[in-house]
PDB file of N, CA and C in Angstrom:
ATOM      1  N   MET A   1     -20.475   7.294 -26.649  1.00  0.00           N
ATOM      2  CA  MET A   1     -19.637   7.167 -25.374  1.00  0.00           C
ATOM      3  C   MET A   1     -19.250   5.926 -25.686  1.00  0.00           C
ATOM      4  N   ASP A   2     -18.187   5.214 -24.733  1.00  0.00           N
ATOM      5  CA  ASP A   2     -17.705   3.871 -24.558  1.00  0.00           C
ATOM      6  C   ASP A   2     -17.932   3.582 -23.291  1.00  0.00           C
ATOM      7  N   VAL A   3     -18.644   2.352 -23.128  1.00  0.00           N
ATOM      8  CA  VAL A   3     -18.372   1.737 -21.454  1.00  0.00           C
ATOM      9  C   VAL A   3     -17.637   0.631 -21.550  1.00  0.00           C
ATOM     10  N   LYS A   4     -17.000   0.496 -20.610  1.00  0.00           N
ATOM     11  CA  LYS A   4     -16.165  -0.970 -20.439  1.00  0.00           C
ATOM     12  C   LYS A   4     -16.998  -1.383 -19.450  1.00  0.00           C
ATOM     13  N   THR A   5     -17.688  -2.960 -19.427  1.00  0.00           N
ATOM     14  CA  THR A   5     -17.848  -3.628 -18.207  1.00  0.00           C
ATOM     15  C   THR A   5     -17.064  -4.808 -17.814  1.00  0.00           C
ATOM     16  N   TYR A   6     -17.054  -4.894 -16.225  1.00  0.00           N
ATOM     17  CA  TYR A   6     -16.670  -5.954 -15.797  1.00  0.00           C
ATOM     18  C   TYR A   6     -17.737  -6.722 -14.953  1.00  0.00           C
ATOM     19  N   LEU A   7     -17.782  -7.473 -15.439  1.00  0.00           N
ATOM     20  CA  LEU A   7     -19.122  -8.145 -14.855  1.00  0.00           C
ATOM     21  C   LEU A   7     -18.946  -9.736 -14.286  1.00  0.00           C
ATOM     22  N   ARG A   8     -19.406 -10.348 -13.092  1.00  0.00           N
ATOM     23  CA  ARG A   8     -19.050 -11.344 -12.114  1.00  0.00           C
ATOM     24  C   ARG A   8     -19.645 -12.628 -13.310  1.00  0.00           C
ATOM     25  N   ASN A   9     -20.971 -12.559 -13.695  1.00  0.00           N
ATOM     26  CA  ASN A   9     -21.405 -14.058 -14.361  1.00  0.00           C
ATOM     27  C   ASN A   9     -21.360 -13.805 -15.891  1.00  0.00           C
ATOM     28  N   ASP A  10     -22.150 -12.644 -16.301  1.00  0.00           N
ATOM     29  CA  ASP A  10     -22.245 -12.273 -17.786  1.00  0.00           C
ATOM     30  C   ASP A  10     -21.436 -12.033 -18.460  1.00  0.00           C
ATOM     31  N   HIS A  11     -20.803 -12.311 -19.922  1.00  0.00           N
ATOM     32  CA  HIS A  11     -20.043 -11.923 -20.340  1.00  0.00           C
ATOM     33  C   HIS A  11     -20.527 -10.777 -21.143  1.00  0.00           C
ATOM     34  N   ILE A  12     -21.823 -10.706 -21.439  1.00  0.00           N
ATOM     35  CA  ILE A  12     -22.298  -9.224 -21.832  1.00  0.00           C
ATOM     36  C   ILE A  12     -23.319  -9.026 -21.229  1.00  0.00           C
ATOM     37  N   THR A  13     -23.517  -7.877 -21.093  1.00  0.00           N
ATOM     38  CA  THR A  13     -24.900  -7.562 -20.458  1.00  0.00           C
ATOM     39  C   THR A  13     -26.072  -7.668 -20.731  1.00  0.00           C
ATOM     40  N   GLN A  14     -27.310  -7.879 -20.155  1.00  0.00           N
ATOM     41  CA  GLN A  14     -28.429  -8.607 -20.566  1.00  0.00           C
ATOM     42  C   GLN A  14     -29.531  -7.614 -20.422  1.00  0.00           C
ATOM     43  N   ILE A  15     -29.955  -7.457 -21.291  1.00  0.00           N
ATOM     44  CA  ILE A  15     -30.958  -6.478 -21.702  1.00  0.00           C
ATOM     45  C   ILE A  15     -32.321  -6.469 -20.639  1.00  0.00           C
ATOM     46  N   GLY A  16     -32.766  -5.412 -20.069  1.00  0.00           N
ATOM     47  CA  GLY A  16     -33.557  -5.437 -18.961  1.00  0.00           C
ATOM     48  C   GLY A  16     -32.658  -5.873 -17.405  1.00  0.00           C
ATOM     49  N   LYS A  17     -31.633  -6.431 -17.453  1.00  0.00           N
ATOM     50  CA  LYS A  17     -31.215  -6.852 -16.314  1.00  0.00           C
ATOM     51  C   LYS A  17     -30.840  -5.662 -15.408  1.00  0.00           C
ATOM     52  N   ASP A  18     -30.831  -5.477 -13.963  1.00  0.00           N
ATOM     53  CA  ASP A  18     -30.237  -4.641 -13.063  1.00  0.00           C
ATOM     54  C   ASP A  18     -28.577  -5.160 -12.777  1.00  0.00           C
ATOM     55  N   TYR A  19     -27.578  -4.519 -12.612  1.00  0.00           N
ATOM     56  CA  TYR A  19     -26.555  -4.738 -12.123  1.00  0.00           C
ATOM     57  C   TYR A  19     -26.216  -3.925 -11.155  1.00  0.00           C
ATOM     58  N   SER A  20     -25.668  -4.280  -9.701  1.00  0.00           N
ATOM     59  CA  SER A  20     -25.391  -3.414  -8.927  1.00  0.00           C
ATOM     60  C   SER A  20     -23.939  -3.224  -8.983  1.00  0.00           C
ATOM     61  N   GLY A  21     -23.351  -2.043  -8.907  1.00  0.00           N
ATOM     62  CA  GLY A  21     -21.975  -1.626  -9.177  1.00  0.00           C
ATOM     63  C   GLY A  21     -21.667  -0.287  -9.025  1.00  0.00           C
ATOM     64  N   VAL A  22     -20.081   0.004  -9.577  1.00  0.00           N
ATOM     65  CA  VAL A  22     -19.711   1.797  -9.663  1.00  0.00           C
ATOM     66  C   VAL A  22     -19.443   1.684 -11.099  1.00  0.00           C
ATOM     67  N   LEU A  23     -19.881   2.552 -11.633  1.00  0.00           N
ATOM     68  CA  LEU A  23     -19.597   3.387 -12.545  1.00  0.00           C
ATOM     69  C   LEU A  23     -18.655   4.411 -12.508  1.00  0.00           C
ATOM     70  N   ASN A  24     -17.634   4.020 -13.118  1.00  0.00           N
ATOM     71  CA  ASN A  24     -16.284   5.380 -13.220  1.00  0.00           C
ATOM     72  C   ASN A  24     -16.297   5.973 -14.498  1.00  0.00           C
ATOM     73  N   ARG A  25     -16.189   7.521 -14.280  1.00  0.00           N
ATOM     74  CA  ARG A  25     -15.961   8.355 -15.725  1.00  0.00           C
ATOM     75  C   ARG A  25     -14.035   8.453 -15.719  1.00  0.00           C
ATOM     76  N   ASP A  26     -13.679   7.678 -16.992  1.00  0.00           N
ATOM     77  CA  ASP A  26     -12.393   7.904 -16.988  1.00  0.00           C
ATOM     78  C   ASP A  26     -12.202   8.802 -18.008  1.00  0.00           C
ATOM     79  N   SER A  27     -12.507   9.410 -18.698  1.00  0.00           N
ATOM     80  CA  SER A  27     -12.093  10.443 -19.636  1.00  0.00           C
ATOM     81  C   SER A  27     -13.811  11.055 -20.264  1.00  0.00           C
ATOM     82  N   ASP A  28     -13.443  11.781 -21.130  1.00  0.00           N
ATOM     83  CA  ASP A  28     -15.091  12.778 -21.541  1.00  0.00           C
ATOM     84  C   ASP A  28     -15.823  11.590 -22.195  1.00  0.00           C
ATOM     85  N   TYR A  29     -15.622  10.949 -23.034  1.00  0.00           N
ATOM     86  CA  TYR A  29     -16.483   9.893 -23.620  1.00  0.00           C
ATOM     87  C   TYR A  29     -16.045   8.306 -23.504  1.00  0.00           C
ATOM     88  N   HIS A  30     -15.481   7.998 -22.244  1.00  0.00           N
ATOM     89  CA  HIS A  30     -15.124   6.856 -21.962  1.00  0.00           C
ATOM     90  C   HIS A  30     -15.547   6.372 -20.486  1.00  0.00           C
ATOM     91  N   TYR A  31     -16.452   5.247 -19.890  1.00  0.00           N
ATOM     92  CA  TYR A  31     -16.606   5.014 -18.655  1.00  0.00           C
ATOM     93  C   TYR A  31     -16.518   3.517 -18.548  1.00  0.00           C
ATOM     94  N   THR A  32     -16.401   3.343 -17.073  1.00  0.00           N
ATOM     95  CA  THR A  32     -15.986   1.852 -16.902  1.00  0.00           C
ATOM     96  C   THR A  32     -17.007   1.703 -15.792  1.00  0.00           C
ATOM     97  N   PHE A  33     -17.757   0.498 -15.955  1.00  0.00           N
ATOM     98  CA  PHE A  33     -18.600  -0.221 -14.857  1.00  0.00           C
ATOM     99  C   PHE A  33     -17.962  -1.498 -14.199  1.00  0.00           C
ATOM    100  N   ILE A  34     -17.987  -1.734 -12.839  1.00  0.00           N
ATOM    101  CA  ILE A  34     -17.508  -2.783 -12.018  1.00  0.00           C
ATOM    102  C   ILE A  34     -18.755  -3.188 -11.243  1.00  0.00           C
ATOM    103  N   GLU A  35     -18.993  -4.484 -11.432  1.00  0.00           N
ATOM    104  CA  GLU A  35     -19.971  -5.359 -11.015  1.00  0.00           C
ATOM    105  C   GLU A  35     -19.747  -5.606  -9.293  1.00  0.00           C
ATOM    106  N   ASP A  36     -20.956  -5.504  -8.348  1.00  0.00           N
ATOM    107  CA  ASP A  36     -20.444  -5.949  -7.138  1.00  0.00           C
ATOM    108  C   ASP A  36     -20.585  -6.987  -6.779  1.00  0.00           C
ATOM    109  N   ALA A  37     -19.810  -7.592  -5.874  1.00  0.00           N
ATOM    110  CA  ALA A  37     -19.674  -8.958  -5.287  1.00  0.00           C
ATOM    111  C   ALA A  37     -21.149  -9.379  -4.941  1.00  0.00           C
ATOM    112  N   PRO A  38     -21.923 -10.553  -5.367  1.00  0.00           N
ATOM    113  CA  PRO A  38     -23.344 -10.707  -4.485  1.00  0.00           C
ATOM    114  C   PRO A  38     -23.610 -10.764  -3.280  1.00  0.00           C
ATOM    115  N   LYS A  39     -24.572 -10.318  -2.758  1.00  0.00           N
ATOM    116  CA  LYS A  39     -24.980 -10.295  -1.240  1.00  0.00           C
ATOM    117  C   LYS A  39     -24.433 -11.638  -0.355  1.00  0.00           C
ATOM    118  N   GLU A  40     -24.752 -12.719  -1.028  1.00  0.00           N
ATOM    119  CA  GLU A  40     -24.446 -13.790  -0.693  1.00  0.00           C
ATOM    120  C   GLU A  40     -22.821 -14.197  -0.191  1.00  0.00           C
ATOM    121  N   ASN A  41     -22.073 -13.717  -1.199  1.00  0.00           N
ATOM    122  CA  ASN A  41     -20.657 -13.498  -0.865  1.00  0.00           C
ATOM    123  C   ASN A  41     -20.049 -12.516   0.241  1.00  0.00           C
ATOM    124  N   LEU A  42     -20.918 -11.350   0.394  1.00  0.00           N
ATOM    125  CA  LEU A  42     -20.136 -10.440   1.378  1.00  0.00           C
ATOM    126  C   LEU A  42     -20.458 -10.805   2.283  1.00  0.00           C
ATOM    127  N   ILE A  43     -21.963 -11.756   2.733  1.00  0.00           N
ATOM    128  CA  ILE A  43     -21.914 -12.252   4.092  1.00  0.00           C
ATOM    129  C   ILE A  43     -20.675 -13.128   4.695  1.00  0.00           C
ATOM    130  N   THR A  44     -20.313 -14.053   3.808  1.00  0.00           N
ATOM    131  CA  THR A  44     -19.418 -14.924   4.270  1.00  0.00           C
ATOM    132  C   THR A  44     -18.065 -13.973   4.265  1.00  0.00           C
ATOM    133  N   MET A  45     -17.950 -13.210   3.864  1.00  0.00           N
ATOM    134  CA  MET A  45     -16.586 -12.516   3.573  1.00  0.00           C
ATOM    135  C   MET A  45     -16.449 -11.782   5.069  1.00  0.00           C
ATOM    136  N   VAL A  46     -17.346 -11.384   5.543  1.00  0.00           N
ATOM    137  CA  VAL A  46     -17.703 -10.572   6.898  1.00  0.00           C
ATOM    138  C   VAL A  46     -17.576 -11.498   7.852  1.00  0.00           C
ATOM    139  N   ARG A  47     -18.098 -12.389   7.973  1.00  0.00           N
ATOM    140  CA  ARG A  47     -18.040 -13.645   8.935  1.00  0.00           C
ATOM    141  C   ARG A  47     -16.704 -14.123   9.618  1.00  0.00           C
ATOM    142  N   ARG A  48     -16.308 -13.795  10.871  1.00  0.00           N
ATOM    143  CA  ARG A  48     -15.145 -14.471  11.359  1.00  0.00           C
ATOM    144  C   ARG A  48     -15.340 -15.106  12.515  1.00  0.00           C
ATOM    145  N   SER A  49     -14.584 -15.867  12.953  1.00  0.00           N
ATOM    146  CA  SER A  49     -14.131 -16.627  14.114  1.00  0.00           C
ATOM    147  C   SER A  49     -13.886 -15.729  15.511  1.00  0.00           C
ATOM    148  N   PRO A  50     -14.549 -15.634  16.340  1.00  0.00           N
ATOM    149  CA  PRO A  50     -14.384 -14.876  17.716  1.00  0.00           C
ATOM    150  C   PRO A  50     -13.286 -15.357  18.497  1.00  0.00           C
ATOM    151  N   HIS A  51     -12.561 -14.422  19.046  1.00  0.00           N
ATOM    152  CA  HIS A  51     -11.063 -14.733  19.647  1.00  0.00           C
ATOM    153  C   HIS A  51     -11.798 -14.923  21.089  1.00  0.00           C
ATOM    154  N   ILE A  52     -11.879 -15.980  21.804  1.00  0.00           N
ATOM    155  CA  ILE A  52     -12.062 -16.019  23.323  1.00  0.00           C
ATOM    156  C   ILE A  52     -11.399 -15.968  24.357  1.00  0.00           C
ATOM    157  N   TYR A  53      -9.892 -15.717  23.762  1.00  0.00           N
ATOM    158  CA  TYR A  53      -9.009 -15.335  24.779  1.00  0.00           C
ATOM    159  C   TYR A  53      -7.721 -14.929  24.120  1.00  0.00           C
ATOM    160  N   LYS A  54      -7.483 -13.503  24.508  1.00  0.00           N
ATOM    161  CA  LYS A  54      -6.293 -12.856  23.698  1.00  0.00           C
ATOM    162  C   LYS A  54      -4.881 -12.842  24.759  1.00  0.00           C
ATOM    163  N   GLY A  55      -4.009 -13.657  24.236  1.00  0.00           N
ATOM    164  CA  GLY A  55      -2.869 -13.427  25.355  1.00  0.00           C
ATOM    165  C   GLY A  55      -1.664 -12.620  24.431  1.00  0.00           C
ATOM    166  N   THR A  56      -0.538 -12.853  25.447  1.00  0.00           N
ATOM    167  CA  THR A  56       0.700 -12.422  24.452  1.00  0.00           C
ATOM    168  C   THR A  56       0.969 -13.275  23.636  1.00  0.00           C
ATOM    169  N   CYS A  57       1.358 -14.214  23.436  1.00  0.00           N
ATOM    170  CA  CYS A  57       1.965 -15.140  22.568  1.00  0.00           C
ATOM    171  C   CYS A  57       0.757 -16.063  22.455  1.00  0.00           C
ATOM    172  N   VAL A  58      -0.318 -16.465  22.685  1.00  0.00           N
ATOM    173  CA  VAL A  58      -1.512 -17.280  22.146  1.00  0.00           C
ATOM    174  C   VAL A  58      -2.953 -16.561  22.387  1.00  0.00           C
ATOM    175  N   ASN A  59      -3.436 -17.011  21.012  1.00  0.00           N
ATOM    176  CA  ASN A  59      -4.939 -16.639  21.049  1.00  0.00           C
ATOM    177  C   ASN A  59      -5.922 -17.887  21.306  1.00  0.00           C
ATOM    178  N   VAL A  60      -7.084 -17.887  21.552  1.00  0.00           N
ATOM    179  CA  VAL A  60      -7.974 -19.002  21.005  1.00  0.00           C
ATOM    180  C   VAL A  60      -9.152 -18.394  20.634  1.00  0.00           C
ATOM    181  N   VAL A  61      -9.349 -19.341  19.622  1.00  0.00           N
ATOM    182  CA  VAL A  61     -10.545 -18.536  18.390  1.00  0.00           C
ATOM    183  C   VAL A  61     -11.469 -19.937  18.444  1.00  0.00           C
ATOM    184  N   ARG A  62     -12.861 -19.474  18.653  1.00  0.00           N
ATOM    185  CA  ARG A  62     -13.806 -20.780  18.623  1.00  0.00           C
ATOM    186  C   ARG A  62     -14.535 -20.756  17.029  1.00  0.00           C
ATOM    187  N   ARG A  63     -14.373 -22.018  16.560  1.00  0.00           N
ATOM    188  CA  ARG A  63     -14.877 -22.001  14.994  1.00  0.00           C
ATOM    189  C   ARG A  63     -16.619 -22.007  15.292  1.00  0.00           C
ATOM    190  N   ALA A  64     -17.054 -21.847  13.820  1.00  0.00           N
ATOM    191  CA  ALA A  64     -18.538 -22.127  13.852  1.00  0.00           C
ATOM    192  C   ALA A  64     -19.227 -23.226  14.334  1.00  0.00           C
ATOM    193  N   ASP A  65     -18.348 -24.246  14.227  1.00  0.00           N
ATOM    194  CA  ASP A  65     -18.929 -25.701  15.071  1.00  0.00           C
ATOM    195  C   ASP A  65     -18.647 -25.623  16.365  1.00  0.00           C
ATOM    196  N   GLY A  66     -18.388 -24.300  17.249  1.00  0.00           N
ATOM    197  CA  GLY A  66     -18.060 -24.426  18.288  1.00  0.00           C
ATOM    198  C   GLY A  66     -16.678 -24.985  18.905  1.00  0.00           C
ATOM    199  N   ASN A  67     -16.071 -25.702  18.218  1.00  0.00           N
ATOM    200  CA  ASN A  67     -14.589 -25.962  18.401  1.00  0.00           C
ATOM    201  C   ASN A  67     -13.814 -24.909  18.818  1.00  0.00           C
ATOM    202  N   LEU A  68     -12.907 -25.346  19.765  1.00  0.00           N
ATOM    203  CA  LEU A  68     -11.662 -24.080  20.029  1.00  0.00           C
ATOM    204  C   LEU A  68     -10.353 -24.575  19.330  1.00  0.00           C
ATOM    205  N   TYR A  69      -9.611 -23.553  19.004  1.00  0.00           N
ATOM    206  CA  TYR A  69      -8.291 -23.961  18.605  1.00  0.00           C
ATOM    207  C   TYR A  69      -7.307 -22.823  18.875  1.00  0.00           C
ATOM    208  N   PRO A  70      -5.813 -23.085  19.274  1.00  0.00           N
ATOM    209  CA  PRO A  70      -5.014 -21.719  19.360  1.00  0.00           C
ATOM    210  C   PRO A  70      -4.299 -21.495  18.255  1.00  0.00           C
ATOM    211  N   THR A  71      -4.125 -20.063  18.658  1.00  0.00           N
ATOM    212  CA  THR A  71      -3.182 -19.821  17.462  1.00  0.00           C
ATOM    213  C   THR A  71      -2.056 -19.106  18.233  1.00  0.00           C
ATOM    214  N   PHE A  72      -0.588 -19.216  17.617  1.00  0.00           N
ATOM    215  CA  PHE A  72       0.491 -18.205  18.370  1.00  0.00           C
ATOM    216  C   PHE A  72       0.826 -16.909  17.626  1.00  0.00           C
ATOM    217  N   ASN A  73       0.743 -15.954  18.690  1.00  0.00           N
ATOM    218  CA  ASN A  73       0.919 -14.962  18.212  1.00  0.00           C
ATOM    219  C   ASN A  73       2.797 -14.442  17.713  1.00  0.00           C
ATOM    220  N   ARG A  74       3.280 -13.703  16.478  1.00  0.00           N
ATOM    221  CA  ARG A  74       4.446 -14.066  16.434  1.00  0.00           C
ATOM    222  C   ARG A  74       5.335 -13.196  17.413  1.00  0.00           C
ATOM    223  N   PRO A  75       6.380 -13.919  17.728  1.00  0.00           N
ATOM    224  CA  PRO A  75       7.396 -13.113  18.733  1.00  0.00           C
ATOM    225  C   PRO A  75       7.954 -11.945  18.734  1.00  0.00           C
ATOM    226  N   LYS A  76       8.051 -11.201  19.550  1.00  0.00           N
ATOM    227  CA  LYS A  76       9.193  -9.997  19.234  1.00  0.00           C
ATOM    228  C   LYS A  76      10.409 -10.484  20.535  1.00  0.00           C
ATOM    229  N   TYR A  77      11.414 -10.881  19.623  1.00  0.00           N
ATOM    230  CA  TYR A  77      12.807 -11.342  20.268  1.00  0.00           C
ATOM    231  C   TYR A  77      13.346 -10.432  20.478  1.00  0.00           C
ATOM    232  N   SER A  78      14.042 -10.107  21.684  1.00  0.00           N
ATOM    233  CA  SER A  78      15.256  -9.131  22.369  1.00  0.00           C
ATOM    234  C   SER A  78      16.197  -9.898  23.043  1.00  0.00           C
ATOM    235  N   GLU A  79      17.224  -8.908  23.301  1.00  0.00           N
ATOM    236  CA  GLU A  79      18.140  -9.548  24.072  1.00  0.00           C
ATOM    237  C   GLU A  79      17.917 -10.300  25.130  1.00  0.00           C
ATOM    238  N   GLY A  80      16.586  -9.777  26.102  1.00  0.00           N
ATOM    239  CA  GLY A  80      16.112 -10.752  27.210  1.00  0.00           C
ATOM    240  C   GLY A  80      15.046 -11.738  26.926  1.00  0.00           C
ATOM    241  N   PHE A  81      14.759 -11.709  25.873  1.00  0.00           N
ATOM    242  CA  PHE A  81      13.460 -12.303  25.343  1.00  0.00           C
ATOM    243  C   PHE A  81      13.715 -13.215  23.991  1.00  0.00           C
ATOM    244  N   GLY A  82      14.019 -14.784  24.156  1.00  0.00           N
ATOM    245  CA  GLY A  82      14.481 -15.517  23.433  1.00  0.00           C
ATOM    246  C   GLY A  82      13.614 -16.304  22.823  1.00  0.00           C
ATOM    247  N   PHE A  83      13.810 -17.239  22.018  1.00  0.00           N
ATOM    248  CA  PHE A  83      12.917 -18.899  21.706  1.00  0.00           C
ATOM    249  C   PHE A  83      12.569 -19.690  22.903  1.00  0.00           C
ATOM    250  N   GLN A  84      13.219 -19.726  23.583  1.00  0.00           N
ATOM    251  CA  GLN A  84      13.041 -20.403  24.944  1.00  0.00           C
ATOM    252  C   GLN A  84      11.868 -19.822  25.968  1.00  0.00           C
ATOM    253  N   ASP A  85      12.055 -17.968  25.887  1.00  0.00           N
ATOM    254  CA  ASP A  85      11.627 -17.799  26.894  1.00  0.00           C
ATOM    255  C   ASP A  85       9.931 -17.523  26.251  1.00  0.00           C
ATOM    256  N   PHE A  86       9.838 -17.191  24.719  1.00  0.00           N
ATOM    257  CA  PHE A  86       8.591 -17.332  24.204  1.00  0.00           C
ATOM    258  C   PHE A  86       7.752 -18.407  24.193  1.00  0.00           C
ATOM    259  N   CYS A  87       8.345 -19.822  24.285  1.00  0.00           N
ATOM    260  CA  CYS A  87       8.143 -21.105  24.280  1.00  0.00           C
ATOM    261  C   CYS A  87       7.251 -21.502  26.075  1.00  0.00           C
ATOM    262  N   ILE A  88       8.022 -21.026  27.139  1.00  0.00           N
ATOM    263  CA  ILE A  88       7.904 -21.123  28.307  1.00  0.00           C
ATOM    264  C   ILE A  88       6.275 -19.933  28.672  1.00  0.00           C
ATOM    265  N   ALA A  89       6.335 -18.786  28.064  1.00  0.00           N
ATOM    266  CA  ALA A  89       5.092 -17.910  28.045  1.00  0.00           C
ATOM    267  C   ALA A  89       3.957 -18.455  27.564  1.00  0.00           C
ATOM    268  N   ALA A  90       4.132 -18.919  26.245  1.00  0.00           N
ATOM    269  CA  ALA A  90       3.227 -19.702  25.668  1.00  0.00           C
ATOM    270  C   ALA A  90       2.766 -20.741  26.180  1.00  0.00           C
ATOM    271  N   ALA A  91       3.442 -21.537  27.051  1.00  0.00           N
ATOM    272  CA  ALA A  91       2.818 -22.689  27.660  1.00  0.00           C
ATOM    273  C   ALA A  91       2.113 -22.250  28.597  1.00  0.00           C
ATOM    274  N   LYS A  92       2.672 -20.869  29.598  1.00  0.00           N
ATOM    275  CA  LYS A  92       1.934 -20.984  30.669  1.00  0.00           C
ATOM    276  C   LYS A  92       0.551 -20.301  30.317  1.00  0.00           C
ATOM    277  N   GLU A  93       0.154 -19.907  29.135  1.00  0.00           N
ATOM    278  CA  GLU A  93      -0.579 -18.909  28.127  1.00  0.00           C
ATOM    279  C   GLU A  93      -1.811 -20.468  28.024  1.00  0.00           C
ATOM    280  N   LEU A  94      -1.288 -21.270  27.687  1.00  0.00           N
ATOM    281  CA  LEU A  94      -2.154 -22.418  26.932  1.00  0.00           C
ATOM    282  C   LEU A  94      -2.843 -23.151  28.320  1.00  0.00           C
ATOM    283  N   ILE A  95      -1.812 -23.220  29.386  1.00  0.00           N
ATOM    284  CA  ILE A  95      -2.552 -23.721  30.537  1.00  0.00           C
ATOM    285  C   ILE A  95      -3.666 -23.178  31.049  1.00  0.00           C
ATOM    286  N   GLU A  96      -3.011 -21.714  31.309  1.00  0.00           N
ATOM    287  CA  GLU A  96      -4.832 -20.643  31.462  1.00  0.00           C
ATOM    288  C   GLU A  96      -5.494 -20.643  30.626  1.00  0.00           C
ATOM    289  N   ALA A  97      -5.396 -20.913  29.155  1.00  0.00           N
ATOM    290  CA  ALA A  97      -6.779 -20.932  28.191  1.00  0.00           C
ATOM    291  C   ALA A  97      -7.236 -22.130  28.409  1.00  0.00           C
ATOM    292  N   SER A  98      -6.616 -23.492  28.888  1.00  0.00           N
ATOM    293  CA  SER A  98      -6.942 -24.482  28.772  1.00  0.00           C
ATOM    294  C   SER A  98      -8.600 -24.520  29.483  1.00  0.00           C
ATOM    295  N   SER A  99      -8.528 -23.855  30.554  1.00  0.00           N
ATOM    296  CA  SER A  99      -9.938 -23.833  31.396  1.00  0.00           C
ATOM    297  C   SER A  99     -10.943 -23.493  30.363  1.00  0.00           C
ATOM    298  N   LEU A 100     -10.658 -22.846  29.659  1.00  0.00           N
ATOM    299  CA  LEU A 100     -11.793 -22.300  28.630  1.00  0.00           C
ATOM    300  C   LEU A 100     -12.619 -23.085  27.917  1.00  0.00           C
ATOM    301  N   GLY A 101     -11.851 -24.475  27.671  1.00  0.00           N
ATOM    302  CA  GLY A 101     -12.943 -25.219  26.808  1.00  0.00           C
ATOM    303  C   GLY A 101     -13.625 -26.230  28.109  1.00  0.00           C
ATOM    304  N   GLU A 102     -13.307 -26.205  29.111  1.00  0.00           N
ATOM    305  CA  GLU A 102     -14.069 -27.356  30.179  1.00  0.00           C
ATOM    306  C   GLU A 102     -15.178 -26.431  30.421  1.00  0.00           C
ATOM    307  N   ASN A 103     -15.353 -24.910  30.516  1.00  0.00           N
ATOM    308  CA  ASN A 103     -16.632 -24.347  31.009  1.00  0.00           C
ATOM    309  C   ASN A 103     -17.346 -24.411  30.049  1.00  0.00           C
ATOM    310  N   ASN A 104     -17.025 -24.042  28.706  1.00  0.00           N
ATOM    311  CA  ASN A 104     -17.929 -23.969  27.649  1.00  0.00           C
ATOM    312  C   ASN A 104     -18.209 -25.105  26.676  1.00  0.00           C
TER     313      ASN A 104
END
């Protein structure tokens, strides 16, 4: 049987070393093994900055160091809601969200 391996660090599989991953059967005599990402990398990929304010136009996110920063949502323009309307609504939400920085 043939086994094709996709490993993260080793070019060739090492004798006696355990690998965590998925083994797929491609045909009667051919298999493919794909190694999983290391657990350290999985933890950093899952970690996200929490949103502490979610508005229609603006969100406020807290970084790992505690600092806050705003992000703008993509506006949905229509006949009655244009760029100027979005800017005014975003300004009102920024004023409302600005009080979060003082309390925390």
